[in-house]
Amino acid sequence: MTGKHSRTRRITSPAGLTASAVLAVALAVGGTVGAVRLTAEAEPVRPAAIDLSPSTETSAPETSSPSASPSASASAAPSPTASPTPSRTAQAPSRSKQRTARPTPKPTAKKTTARPVVDTGSCGASFYWQGQMTANGETFNPEGLTAAHKTLPFDTKVRVTNPANGKSVTVRINDRGPFIEGRCLDLARGAFAEIASLDLGHIEVRYEVLG
């Protein structure tokens, strides 16, 4: 049994040598390109790294720190000032003015309810005390401020004054009398006692008829 073996063909012609050279160059170029491609695919391009560390140039907000310079703290503190020397001030203008006396309040006019005088005169007056009915139908009160007159209407007010002592009393007419010459008023005992002593019996009086 015979063994097979191969023989290497040798190209000896000039055309064959040129073709072989071109092929070798092509293979070499193609291998280089492929190697480049494989390298590019195997190592993808990484993005540029971003520096996230804080920049030293960024201005931070100014905060007061305890390690401030002594000169700054000294300038911020108010400088002590000398306490003012106590001294007496000038007298206030209001106290230097001459004081005046308190103004006297003006008296206010009082409303008067006094009745006007419609008639005046003088005559003798006496008193009486017997219990009886008066001319206008009232029960006589010896201690009341009433009087009797000959003609004045009932309930007329008459002011009777004793000129000897200046005492006065106002009486209401509710009866008729007196019927003695020279007398025009007969007062109840209580009214007569306001201006004179009962021991006198009768006196001269001045009367004023009030409207």
N, C-alpha and C. Protein backbone atom coordinates (compact mmCIF):
# COMPACT_ATOMS: atom_id res chain seq x y z
N MET A 1 0.88 -1.19 0.00
CA MET A 1 0.00 0.00 0.00
C MET A 1 0.89 1.21 0.00
N THR A 2 0.67 1.96 -0.96
CA THR A 2 1.50 3.15 -1.10
C THR A 2 0.93 4.32 -0.40
N GLY A 3 1.72 5.11 0.35
CA GLY A 3 1.24 6.31 1.07
C GLY A 3 1.16 7.51 0.16
N LYS A 4 0.10 8.39 0.42
CA LYS A 4 -0.10 9.60 -0.37
C LYS A 4 0.62 10.74 0.29
N HIS A 5 1.18 11.62 -0.46
CA HIS A 5 1.81 12.80 0.10
C HIS A 5 1.60 13.93 -0.89
N SER A 6 1.58 15.13 -0.38
CA SER A 6 1.31 16.30 -1.21
C SER A 6 2.58 17.01 -1.48
N ARG A 7 2.56 17.71 -2.56
CA ARG A 7 3.70 18.50 -2.93
C ARG A 7 3.32 19.96 -3.01
N THR A 8 4.22 20.77 -2.62
CA THR A 8 3.97 22.23 -2.65
C THR A 8 4.32 22.73 -4.00
N ARG A 9 3.24 23.52 -4.54
CA ARG A 9 3.44 24.07 -5.85
C ARG A 9 4.23 25.35 -5.75
N ARG A 10 5.19 25.49 -6.53
CA ARG A 10 6.02 26.68 -6.57
C ARG A 10 5.68 27.47 -7.81
N ILE A 11 5.47 28.78 -7.58
CA ILE A 11 5.16 29.67 -8.69
C ILE A 11 6.43 30.37 -9.04
N THR A 12 6.80 30.15 -10.23
CA THR A 12 8.07 30.71 -10.65
C THR A 12 7.91 31.79 -11.70
N SER A 13 6.71 31.94 -12.23
CA SER A 13 6.53 32.93 -13.27
C SER A 13 6.40 34.31 -12.66
N PRO A 14 6.81 35.38 -13.41
CA PRO A 14 6.71 36.74 -12.89
C PRO A 14 5.29 37.13 -12.58
N ALA A 15 4.32 36.79 -13.34
CA ALA A 15 2.92 37.15 -13.08
C ALA A 15 2.46 36.50 -11.81
N GLY A 16 2.88 35.28 -11.64
CA GLY A 16 2.45 34.61 -10.41
C GLY A 16 3.06 35.23 -9.20
N LEU A 17 4.28 35.66 -9.27
CA LEU A 17 4.91 36.32 -8.13
C LEU A 17 4.20 37.63 -7.78
N THR A 18 3.85 38.38 -8.82
CA THR A 18 3.13 39.66 -8.57
C THR A 18 1.81 39.42 -7.91
N ALA A 19 1.11 38.39 -8.43
CA ALA A 19 -0.21 38.10 -7.82
C ALA A 19 -0.05 37.68 -6.39
N SER A 20 0.96 36.90 -6.13
CA SER A 20 1.16 36.45 -4.74
C SER A 20 1.49 37.62 -3.83
N ALA A 21 2.29 38.56 -4.32
CA ALA A 21 2.62 39.73 -3.50
C ALA A 21 1.39 40.57 -3.19
N VAL A 22 0.56 40.76 -4.22
CA VAL A 22 -0.67 41.56 -4.01
C VAL A 22 -1.57 40.90 -2.99
N LEU A 23 -1.67 39.56 -3.11
CA LEU A 23 -2.54 38.84 -2.17
C LEU A 23 -2.03 38.96 -0.75
N ALA A 24 -0.70 38.89 -0.63
CA ALA A 24 -0.13 38.98 0.70
C ALA A 24 -0.37 40.36 1.30
N VAL A 25 -0.21 41.39 0.46
CA VAL A 25 -0.48 42.74 0.96
C VAL A 25 -1.92 42.89 1.38
N ALA A 26 -2.82 42.32 0.52
CA ALA A 26 -4.25 42.43 0.84
C ALA A 26 -4.57 41.73 2.13
N LEU A 27 -4.00 40.56 2.31
CA LEU A 27 -4.24 39.81 3.55
C LEU A 27 -3.72 40.60 4.76
N ALA A 28 -2.54 41.18 4.57
CA ALA A 28 -1.97 41.94 5.69
C ALA A 28 -2.84 43.15 6.06
N VAL A 29 -3.29 43.87 4.97
CA VAL A 29 -4.15 45.05 5.22
C VAL A 29 -5.46 44.63 5.85
N GLY A 30 -6.04 43.55 5.29
CA GLY A 30 -7.33 43.09 5.83
C GLY A 30 -7.20 42.63 7.25
N GLY A 31 -6.09 41.98 7.58
CA GLY A 31 -5.93 41.59 8.98
C GLY A 31 -5.80 42.75 9.91
N THR A 32 -5.09 43.75 9.43
CA THR A 32 -4.93 44.95 10.29
C THR A 32 -6.27 45.64 10.54
N VAL A 33 -7.06 45.77 9.43
CA VAL A 33 -8.39 46.42 9.57
C VAL A 33 -9.26 45.62 10.49
N GLY A 34 -9.24 44.32 10.35
CA GLY A 34 -10.08 43.47 11.21
C GLY A 34 -9.67 43.57 12.65
N ALA A 35 -8.33 43.62 12.85
CA ALA A 35 -7.87 43.76 14.23
C ALA A 35 -8.35 45.06 14.83
N VAL A 36 -8.30 46.12 13.99
CA VAL A 36 -8.79 47.42 14.49
C VAL A 36 -10.25 47.35 14.84
N ARG A 37 -11.04 46.74 13.96
CA ARG A 37 -12.49 46.63 14.22
C ARG A 37 -12.76 45.82 15.45
N LEU A 38 -12.08 44.70 15.59
CA LEU A 38 -12.30 43.88 16.77
C LEU A 38 -11.94 44.64 18.05
N THR A 39 -10.87 45.38 17.95
CA THR A 39 -10.46 46.17 19.15
C THR A 39 -11.48 47.24 19.50
N ALA A 40 -12.02 47.90 18.45
CA ALA A 40 -13.04 48.93 18.71
C ALA A 40 -14.29 48.35 19.31
N GLU A 41 -14.70 47.12 18.77
CA GLU A 41 -15.90 46.50 19.30
C GLU A 41 -15.68 45.98 20.71
N ALA A 42 -14.49 45.48 20.97
CA ALA A 42 -14.23 44.92 22.30
C ALA A 42 -14.14 46.02 23.36
N GLU A 43 -13.64 47.18 23.02
CA GLU A 43 -13.49 48.27 24.00
C GLU A 43 -14.35 49.47 23.57
N PRO A 44 -15.63 49.52 24.05
CA PRO A 44 -16.51 50.64 23.68
C PRO A 44 -15.98 51.94 24.26
N VAL A 45 -16.30 52.99 23.55
CA VAL A 45 -15.85 54.31 23.97
C VAL A 45 -16.61 54.74 25.23
N ARG A 46 -15.92 55.06 26.28
CA ARG A 46 -16.54 55.48 27.54
C ARG A 46 -16.74 57.00 27.55
N PRO A 47 -17.89 57.41 28.10
CA PRO A 47 -18.10 58.86 28.17
C PRO A 47 -17.14 59.51 29.14
N ALA A 48 -16.87 60.73 28.85
CA ALA A 48 -15.94 61.47 29.72
C ALA A 48 -16.50 61.58 31.12
N ALA A 49 -15.69 61.33 32.08
CA ALA A 49 -16.13 61.38 33.50
C ALA A 49 -16.41 62.82 33.92
N ILE A 50 -17.55 62.98 34.67
CA ILE A 50 -17.95 64.32 35.16
C ILE A 50 -17.52 64.45 36.60
N ASP A 51 -16.84 65.49 36.86
CA ASP A 51 -16.34 65.72 38.21
C ASP A 51 -17.46 66.31 39.07
N LEU A 52 -17.99 65.46 40.01
CA LEU A 52 -19.10 65.89 40.88
C LEU A 52 -18.64 66.46 42.20
N SER A 53 -17.39 66.54 42.41
CA SER A 53 -16.89 67.10 43.68
C SER A 53 -17.16 68.60 43.72
N PRO A 54 -17.55 69.14 44.92
CA PRO A 54 -17.86 70.59 45.00
C PRO A 54 -16.67 71.42 44.61
N SER A 55 -16.98 72.43 43.81
CA SER A 55 -15.92 73.32 43.35
C SER A 55 -15.50 74.25 44.47
N THR A 56 -14.27 74.47 44.53
CA THR A 56 -13.77 75.39 45.57
C THR A 56 -14.04 76.83 45.25
N GLU A 57 -14.41 77.11 43.97
CA GLU A 57 -14.62 78.49 43.57
C GLU A 57 -16.04 78.97 43.88
N THR A 58 -17.00 78.00 44.16
CA THR A 58 -18.39 78.40 44.44
C THR A 58 -18.44 79.16 45.74
N SER A 59 -19.15 80.30 45.71
CA SER A 59 -19.21 81.16 46.90
C SER A 59 -20.26 80.62 47.84
N ALA A 60 -19.87 80.25 49.02
CA ALA A 60 -20.80 79.74 50.03
C ALA A 60 -21.38 80.91 50.80
N PRO A 61 -22.64 80.74 51.36
CA PRO A 61 -23.23 81.85 52.15
C PRO A 61 -22.42 82.13 53.37
N GLU A 62 -22.27 83.41 53.60
CA GLU A 62 -21.45 83.82 54.72
C GLU A 62 -22.18 83.56 56.02
N THR A 63 -21.56 82.85 56.88
CA THR A 63 -22.14 82.57 58.19
C THR A 63 -21.16 83.01 59.24
N SER A 64 -21.74 83.41 60.33
CA SER A 64 -20.87 83.84 61.42
C SER A 64 -20.31 82.63 62.12
N SER A 65 -19.08 82.57 62.27
CA SER A 65 -18.42 81.45 62.93
C SER A 65 -17.77 81.94 64.20
N PRO A 66 -17.70 81.03 65.19
CA PRO A 66 -17.09 81.47 66.45
C PRO A 66 -15.63 81.84 66.32
N SER A 67 -15.02 81.38 65.18
CA SER A 67 -13.59 81.66 65.00
C SER A 67 -13.36 82.96 64.26
N ALA A 68 -14.28 83.91 64.44
CA ALA A 68 -14.11 85.20 63.77
C ALA A 68 -12.93 85.92 64.39
N SER A 69 -12.39 86.79 63.62
CA SER A 69 -11.19 87.49 64.07
C SER A 69 -11.53 88.39 65.24
N PRO A 70 -10.64 88.53 66.18
CA PRO A 70 -10.92 89.40 67.34
C PRO A 70 -11.22 90.83 66.95
N SER A 71 -10.61 91.29 65.85
CA SER A 71 -10.84 92.68 65.46
C SER A 71 -12.27 92.90 65.02
N ALA A 72 -12.86 91.85 64.30
CA ALA A 72 -14.24 91.99 63.84
C ALA A 72 -15.20 92.03 65.01
N SER A 73 -15.02 91.13 66.00
CA SER A 73 -15.92 91.13 67.16
C SER A 73 -15.77 92.40 67.98
N ALA A 74 -14.56 92.88 68.02
CA ALA A 74 -14.37 94.11 68.79
C ALA A 74 -15.04 95.29 68.14
N SER A 75 -15.02 95.34 66.80
CA SER A 75 -15.66 96.46 66.11
C SER A 75 -17.17 96.38 66.18
N ALA A 76 -17.74 95.11 66.25
CA ALA A 76 -19.19 94.98 66.30
C ALA A 76 -19.74 95.39 67.65
N ALA A 77 -19.01 95.15 68.72
CA ALA A 77 -19.50 95.49 70.06
C ALA A 77 -19.51 97.00 70.23
N PRO A 78 -20.61 97.55 70.86
CA PRO A 78 -20.65 99.01 71.06
C PRO A 78 -19.60 99.44 72.04
N SER A 79 -19.00 100.53 71.74
CA SER A 79 -17.94 101.03 72.60
C SER A 79 -18.56 101.67 73.83
N PRO A 80 -18.07 101.37 74.99
CA PRO A 80 -18.65 101.96 76.22
C PRO A 80 -18.48 103.46 76.22
N THR A 81 -19.58 104.09 76.63
CA THR A 81 -19.54 105.54 76.71
C THR A 81 -19.64 105.97 78.16
N ALA A 82 -19.12 107.09 78.44
CA ALA A 82 -19.13 107.56 79.82
C ALA A 82 -20.54 107.95 80.23
N SER A 83 -20.98 107.54 81.44
CA SER A 83 -22.31 107.86 81.93
C SER A 83 -22.44 109.36 82.11
N PRO A 84 -23.61 109.91 81.74
CA PRO A 84 -23.77 111.36 81.87
C PRO A 84 -23.73 111.81 83.31
N THR A 85 -23.14 112.92 83.52
CA THR A 85 -23.05 113.46 84.87
C THR A 85 -24.39 114.06 85.27
N PRO A 86 -24.99 113.57 86.38
CA PRO A 86 -26.30 114.12 86.77
C PRO A 86 -26.21 115.60 87.05
N SER A 87 -27.17 116.29 86.54
CA SER A 87 -27.20 117.74 86.76
C SER A 87 -28.63 118.20 86.85
N ARG A 88 -28.89 119.26 87.53
CA ARG A 88 -30.24 119.81 87.67
C ARG A 88 -30.61 120.56 86.40
N THR A 89 -31.75 120.17 85.88
CA THR A 89 -32.22 120.82 84.67
C THR A 89 -32.92 122.13 85.02
N ALA A 90 -33.08 122.93 84.00
CA ALA A 90 -33.75 124.21 84.20
C ALA A 90 -35.20 123.99 84.57
N GLN A 91 -35.78 124.88 85.29
CA GLN A 91 -37.16 124.76 85.71
C GLN A 91 -38.09 124.75 84.51
N ALA A 92 -39.09 123.84 84.59
CA ALA A 92 -40.02 123.73 83.47
C ALA A 92 -40.74 125.04 83.26
N PRO A 93 -40.99 125.39 81.97
CA PRO A 93 -41.65 126.68 81.70
C PRO A 93 -42.99 126.80 82.39
N SER A 94 -43.74 125.63 82.47
CA SER A 94 -45.07 125.73 83.06
C SER A 94 -45.00 126.08 84.54
N ARG A 95 -43.93 125.69 85.20
CA ARG A 95 -43.82 125.99 86.61
C ARG A 95 -43.25 127.37 86.87
N SER A 96 -42.59 127.93 85.84
CA SER A 96 -42.03 129.26 86.01
C SER A 96 -43.07 130.36 85.84
N LYS A 97 -44.23 129.97 85.28
CA LYS A 97 -45.27 130.97 85.10
C LYS A 97 -45.91 131.31 86.44
N GLN A 98 -46.39 132.48 86.53
CA GLN A 98 -47.05 132.93 87.74
C GLN A 98 -48.38 132.23 87.87
N ARG A 99 -48.58 131.64 89.03
CA ARG A 99 -49.83 130.92 89.25
C ARG A 99 -50.94 131.89 89.58
N THR A 100 -52.10 131.57 89.07
CA THR A 100 -53.26 132.41 89.32
C THR A 100 -54.23 131.65 90.20
N ALA A 101 -55.08 132.36 90.85
CA ALA A 101 -56.07 131.74 91.72
C ALA A 101 -57.08 130.98 90.88
N ARG A 102 -57.63 129.94 91.49
CA ARG A 102 -58.65 129.15 90.80
C ARG A 102 -59.85 130.04 90.46
N PRO A 103 -60.30 129.96 89.20
CA PRO A 103 -61.44 130.82 88.84
C PRO A 103 -62.67 130.50 89.65
N THR A 104 -63.33 131.53 90.08
CA THR A 104 -64.54 131.35 90.87
C THR A 104 -65.69 130.95 89.95
N PRO A 105 -66.34 129.81 90.24
CA PRO A 105 -67.45 129.41 89.38
C PRO A 105 -68.58 130.41 89.42
N LYS A 106 -69.10 130.68 88.25
CA LYS A 106 -70.20 131.64 88.17
C LYS A 106 -71.48 130.99 88.62
N PRO A 107 -72.22 131.65 89.44
CA PRO A 107 -73.48 131.05 89.91
C PRO A 107 -74.46 130.94 88.75
N THR A 108 -75.08 129.80 88.68
CA THR A 108 -76.06 129.57 87.63
C THR A 108 -77.42 130.08 88.09
N ALA A 109 -78.13 130.61 87.15
CA ALA A 109 -79.45 131.16 87.48
C ALA A 109 -80.40 130.02 87.83
N LYS A 110 -81.01 130.12 88.98
CA LYS A 110 -81.97 129.10 89.42
C LYS A 110 -83.36 129.46 88.92
N LYS A 111 -83.99 128.40 88.47
CA LYS A 111 -85.36 128.59 88.02
C LYS A 111 -86.25 128.78 89.24
N THR A 112 -87.01 129.83 89.21
CA THR A 112 -87.89 130.11 90.34
C THR A 112 -89.33 129.74 89.98
N THR A 113 -89.96 129.18 90.99
CA THR A 113 -91.38 128.81 90.80
C THR A 113 -92.28 129.72 91.64
N ALA A 114 -91.69 130.83 92.11
CA ALA A 114 -92.48 131.75 92.94
C ALA A 114 -93.62 132.35 92.11
N ARG A 115 -94.73 132.43 92.76
CA ARG A 115 -95.89 133.01 92.08
C ARG A 115 -95.79 134.53 92.08
N PRO A 116 -96.27 135.14 91.03
CA PRO A 116 -96.25 136.62 91.00
C PRO A 116 -97.24 137.21 92.00
N VAL A 117 -96.88 138.38 92.48
CA VAL A 117 -97.75 139.09 93.43
C VAL A 117 -98.76 139.91 92.64
N VAL A 118 -100.03 139.67 92.89
CA VAL A 118 -101.07 140.37 92.14
C VAL A 118 -101.73 141.49 92.96
N ASP A 119 -101.51 141.45 94.29
CA ASP A 119 -102.12 142.50 95.12
C ASP A 119 -101.38 142.52 96.46
N THR A 120 -101.27 143.69 97.04
CA THR A 120 -100.62 143.85 98.34
C THR A 120 -101.46 144.79 99.20
N GLY A 121 -101.19 144.75 100.50
CA GLY A 121 -101.90 145.65 101.42
C GLY A 121 -101.49 145.37 102.84
N SER A 122 -102.05 146.14 103.75
CA SER A 122 -101.80 145.98 105.19
C SER A 122 -103.13 146.03 105.93
N CYS A 123 -103.19 145.24 107.00
CA CYS A 123 -104.39 145.19 107.81
C CYS A 123 -104.11 144.44 109.10
N GLY A 124 -105.12 144.35 109.96
CA GLY A 124 -104.97 143.58 111.19
C GLY A 124 -105.29 142.12 110.92
N ALA A 125 -104.60 141.20 111.66
CA ALA A 125 -104.83 139.76 111.52
C ALA A 125 -104.97 139.15 112.91
N SER A 126 -105.88 138.23 113.03
CA SER A 126 -106.10 137.51 114.27
C SER A 126 -106.03 136.01 114.00
N PHE A 127 -106.36 135.17 114.98
CA PHE A 127 -106.37 133.71 114.76
C PHE A 127 -107.60 133.13 115.45
N TYR A 128 -107.98 131.93 115.04
CA TYR A 128 -109.08 131.21 115.65
C TYR A 128 -108.73 129.72 115.71
N TRP A 129 -109.39 128.97 116.59
CA TRP A 129 -109.02 127.57 116.83
C TRP A 129 -110.23 126.64 117.01
N GLN A 130 -111.48 127.19 117.03
CA GLN A 130 -112.63 126.35 117.24
C GLN A 130 -112.81 125.36 116.09
N GLY A 131 -113.13 124.15 116.46
CA GLY A 131 -113.37 123.13 115.44
C GLY A 131 -114.71 123.33 114.79
N GLN A 132 -114.75 123.44 113.52
CA GLN A 132 -115.98 123.67 112.78
C GLN A 132 -115.74 123.37 111.31
N MET A 133 -116.76 123.46 110.51
CA MET A 133 -116.63 123.30 109.07
C MET A 133 -116.27 124.65 108.47
N THR A 134 -115.38 124.67 107.51
CA THR A 134 -114.98 125.90 106.83
C THR A 134 -116.02 126.24 105.77
N ALA A 135 -115.95 127.45 105.23
CA ALA A 135 -116.93 127.92 104.25
C ALA A 135 -116.86 127.12 102.95
N ASN A 136 -115.72 126.51 102.61
CA ASN A 136 -115.62 125.71 101.37
C ASN A 136 -115.94 124.24 101.58
N GLY A 137 -116.40 123.89 102.83
CA GLY A 137 -116.82 122.52 103.09
C GLY A 137 -115.74 121.65 103.70
N GLU A 138 -114.57 122.15 104.03
CA GLU A 138 -113.53 121.34 104.65
C GLU A 138 -113.71 121.33 106.17
N THR A 139 -113.14 120.31 106.78
CA THR A 139 -113.07 120.28 108.24
C THR A 139 -111.93 121.16 108.67
N PHE A 140 -112.20 122.10 109.56
CA PHE A 140 -111.19 123.06 109.99
C PHE A 140 -110.10 122.35 110.78
N ASN A 141 -108.83 122.70 110.43
CA ASN A 141 -107.67 122.17 111.15
C ASN A 141 -107.01 123.35 111.84
N PRO A 142 -107.09 123.46 113.16
CA PRO A 142 -106.52 124.61 113.86
C PRO A 142 -105.01 124.73 113.66
N GLU A 143 -104.29 123.63 113.40
CA GLU A 143 -102.84 123.67 113.22
C GLU A 143 -102.43 123.77 111.75
N GLY A 144 -103.37 123.90 110.84
CA GLY A 144 -103.05 123.99 109.42
C GLY A 144 -102.64 125.39 109.00
N LEU A 145 -102.05 125.49 107.80
CA LEU A 145 -101.65 126.80 107.26
C LEU A 145 -102.77 127.31 106.36
N THR A 146 -103.85 127.70 106.99
CA THR A 146 -105.02 128.20 106.27
C THR A 146 -105.46 129.51 106.90
N ALA A 147 -106.41 130.20 106.20
CA ALA A 147 -106.90 131.48 106.72
C ALA A 147 -108.28 131.77 106.13
N ALA A 148 -108.94 132.74 106.76
CA ALA A 148 -110.25 133.19 106.30
C ALA A 148 -110.11 134.61 105.79
N HIS A 149 -110.84 134.90 104.64
CA HIS A 149 -110.86 136.24 104.06
C HIS A 149 -112.28 136.51 103.60
N LYS A 150 -112.62 137.78 103.54
CA LYS A 150 -113.99 138.10 103.21
C LYS A 150 -114.34 137.88 101.75
N THR A 151 -113.39 138.22 100.84
CA THR A 151 -113.75 138.22 99.42
C THR A 151 -112.82 137.39 98.50
N LEU A 152 -111.62 137.06 98.92
CA LEU A 152 -110.68 136.34 98.02
C LEU A 152 -111.24 134.96 97.68
N PRO A 153 -111.04 134.52 96.44
CA PRO A 153 -111.50 133.18 96.04
C PRO A 153 -110.86 132.09 96.90
N PHE A 154 -111.56 130.98 97.05
CA PHE A 154 -111.01 129.86 97.80
C PHE A 154 -109.75 129.31 97.08
N ASP A 155 -108.85 128.79 97.89
CA ASP A 155 -107.56 128.21 97.45
C ASP A 155 -106.57 129.28 96.97
N THR A 156 -106.89 130.57 97.15
CA THR A 156 -105.91 131.61 96.84
C THR A 156 -104.81 131.57 97.88
N LYS A 157 -103.55 131.72 97.38
CA LYS A 157 -102.40 131.72 98.28
C LYS A 157 -102.06 133.16 98.65
N VAL A 158 -101.84 133.40 99.95
CA VAL A 158 -101.52 134.72 100.46
C VAL A 158 -100.29 134.60 101.36
N ARG A 159 -99.28 135.44 101.08
CA ARG A 159 -98.10 135.47 101.94
C ARG A 159 -98.29 136.58 102.96
N VAL A 160 -98.24 136.20 104.25
CA VAL A 160 -98.49 137.12 105.36
C VAL A 160 -97.16 137.35 106.08
N THR A 161 -96.79 138.62 106.28
CA THR A 161 -95.51 138.97 106.91
C THR A 161 -95.77 139.84 108.12
N ASN A 162 -95.04 139.54 109.21
CA ASN A 162 -95.11 140.35 110.43
C ASN A 162 -93.99 141.39 110.34
N PRO A 163 -94.29 142.65 110.14
CA PRO A 163 -93.25 143.68 110.02
C PRO A 163 -92.42 143.83 111.28
N ALA A 164 -92.94 143.43 112.42
CA ALA A 164 -92.22 143.61 113.68
C ALA A 164 -90.99 142.70 113.76
N ASN A 165 -91.05 141.50 113.18
CA ASN A 165 -89.91 140.57 113.25
C ASN A 165 -89.47 140.04 111.87
N GLY A 166 -90.19 140.39 110.81
CA GLY A 166 -89.83 139.97 109.46
C GLY A 166 -90.21 138.55 109.10
N LYS A 167 -90.90 137.85 109.99
CA LYS A 167 -91.30 136.47 109.71
C LYS A 167 -92.50 136.46 108.77
N SER A 168 -92.53 135.42 107.91
CA SER A 168 -93.61 135.29 106.92
C SER A 168 -94.14 133.87 106.92
N VAL A 169 -95.39 133.74 106.47
CA VAL A 169 -96.02 132.45 106.30
C VAL A 169 -96.99 132.56 105.14
N THR A 170 -97.08 131.50 104.34
CA THR A 170 -98.00 131.50 103.20
C THR A 170 -99.19 130.61 103.57
N VAL A 171 -100.38 131.15 103.43
CA VAL A 171 -101.59 130.43 103.82
C VAL A 171 -102.51 130.29 102.62
N ARG A 172 -103.42 129.34 102.73
CA ARG A 172 -104.41 129.10 101.68
C ARG A 172 -105.79 129.51 102.22
N ILE A 173 -106.54 130.29 101.40
CA ILE A 173 -107.86 130.77 101.81
C ILE A 173 -108.87 129.63 101.63
N ASN A 174 -109.52 129.24 102.73
CA ASN A 174 -110.55 128.19 102.66
C ASN A 174 -111.78 128.54 103.52
N ASP A 175 -111.80 129.80 104.02
CA ASP A 175 -112.93 130.18 104.89
C ASP A 175 -113.21 131.67 104.74
N ARG A 176 -114.32 132.12 105.36
CA ARG A 176 -114.71 133.53 105.30
C ARG A 176 -114.61 134.16 106.69
N GLY A 177 -114.17 135.46 106.72
CA GLY A 177 -114.01 136.19 107.96
C GLY A 177 -112.81 137.11 107.79
N PRO A 178 -112.37 137.73 108.82
CA PRO A 178 -113.08 137.91 110.12
C PRO A 178 -114.13 139.02 110.01
N PHE A 179 -115.03 139.04 110.94
CA PHE A 179 -116.09 140.01 110.87
C PHE A 179 -115.92 141.07 111.97
N ILE A 180 -114.68 141.52 112.09
CA ILE A 180 -114.35 142.56 113.06
C ILE A 180 -113.73 143.72 112.29
N GLU A 181 -114.14 144.93 112.66
CA GLU A 181 -113.65 146.12 111.95
C GLU A 181 -112.13 146.26 112.10
N GLY A 182 -111.44 146.55 110.98
CA GLY A 182 -110.00 146.75 110.96
C GLY A 182 -109.18 145.49 110.71
N ARG A 183 -109.84 144.33 110.66
CA ARG A 183 -109.12 143.07 110.39
C ARG A 183 -109.55 142.50 109.04
N CYS A 184 -108.54 142.02 108.28
CA CYS A 184 -108.88 141.43 106.97
C CYS A 184 -108.56 139.95 106.88
N LEU A 185 -107.80 139.43 107.87
CA LEU A 185 -107.41 138.01 107.84
C LEU A 185 -107.61 137.40 109.22
N ASP A 186 -108.11 136.19 109.17
CA ASP A 186 -108.23 135.40 110.39
C ASP A 186 -107.47 134.10 110.15
N LEU A 187 -106.29 133.98 110.75
CA LEU A 187 -105.42 132.83 110.49
C LEU A 187 -105.75 131.68 111.42
N ALA A 188 -105.51 130.48 110.92
CA ALA A 188 -105.57 129.32 111.81
C ALA A 188 -104.47 129.47 112.85
N ARG A 189 -104.71 128.86 114.01
CA ARG A 189 -103.77 129.05 115.12
C ARG A 189 -102.34 128.64 114.73
N GLY A 190 -102.19 127.58 113.99
CA GLY A 190 -100.86 127.12 113.59
C GLY A 190 -100.15 128.12 112.69
N ALA A 191 -100.90 128.77 111.79
CA ALA A 191 -100.29 129.74 110.89
C ALA A 191 -99.91 131.01 111.65
N PHE A 192 -100.77 131.44 112.59
CA PHE A 192 -100.46 132.65 113.38
C PHE A 192 -99.21 132.43 114.21
N ALA A 193 -99.02 131.22 114.74
CA ALA A 193 -97.86 130.92 115.60
C ALA A 193 -96.55 130.97 114.81
N GLU A 194 -96.60 130.87 113.49
CA GLU A 194 -95.38 130.93 112.67
C GLU A 194 -94.77 132.34 112.66
N ILE A 195 -95.62 133.38 112.87
CA ILE A 195 -95.09 134.74 112.73
C ILE A 195 -95.19 135.58 114.00
N ALA A 196 -95.95 135.09 115.00
CA ALA A 196 -96.09 135.88 116.23
C ALA A 196 -96.51 134.99 117.37
N SER A 197 -96.46 135.55 118.56
CA SER A 197 -96.87 134.80 119.74
C SER A 197 -98.39 134.78 119.84
N LEU A 198 -98.92 133.66 120.30
CA LEU A 198 -100.37 133.54 120.44
C LEU A 198 -100.90 134.47 121.53
N ASP A 199 -100.02 134.87 122.42
CA ASP A 199 -100.46 135.75 123.51
C ASP A 199 -100.89 137.13 123.01
N LEU A 200 -100.41 137.49 121.82
CA LEU A 200 -100.76 138.81 121.31
C LEU A 200 -102.21 138.87 120.85
N GLY A 201 -102.74 137.79 120.37
CA GLY A 201 -104.15 137.78 119.96
C GLY A 201 -104.33 138.25 118.53
N HIS A 202 -103.84 139.44 118.20
CA HIS A 202 -103.88 139.96 116.84
C HIS A 202 -102.73 140.94 116.64
N ILE A 203 -102.31 141.13 115.38
CA ILE A 203 -101.16 141.98 115.02
C ILE A 203 -101.46 142.65 113.69
N GLU A 204 -100.68 143.70 113.42
CA GLU A 204 -100.74 144.33 112.10
C GLU A 204 -99.79 143.56 111.17
N VAL A 205 -100.29 143.20 110.00
CA VAL A 205 -99.50 142.41 109.05
C VAL A 205 -99.51 143.08 107.68
N ARG A 206 -98.57 142.63 106.84
CA ARG A 206 -98.54 143.02 105.43
C ARG A 206 -98.82 141.76 104.62
N TYR A 207 -99.72 141.86 103.70
CA TYR A 207 -100.09 140.66 102.93
C TYR A 207 -99.78 140.88 101.46
N GLU A 208 -99.55 139.78 100.76
CA GLU A 208 -99.30 139.76 99.31
C GLU A 208 -100.11 138.62 98.72
N VAL A 209 -100.98 138.98 97.83
CA VAL A 209 -101.80 137.96 97.15
C VAL A 209 -101.00 137.42 95.98
N LEU A 210 -100.83 136.09 95.97
CA LEU A 210 -100.01 135.43 94.94
C LEU A 210 -100.89 134.87 93.84
N GLY A 211 -100.48 135.10 92.62
CA GLY A 211 -101.28 134.62 91.51
C GLY A 211 -101.10 133.12 91.24
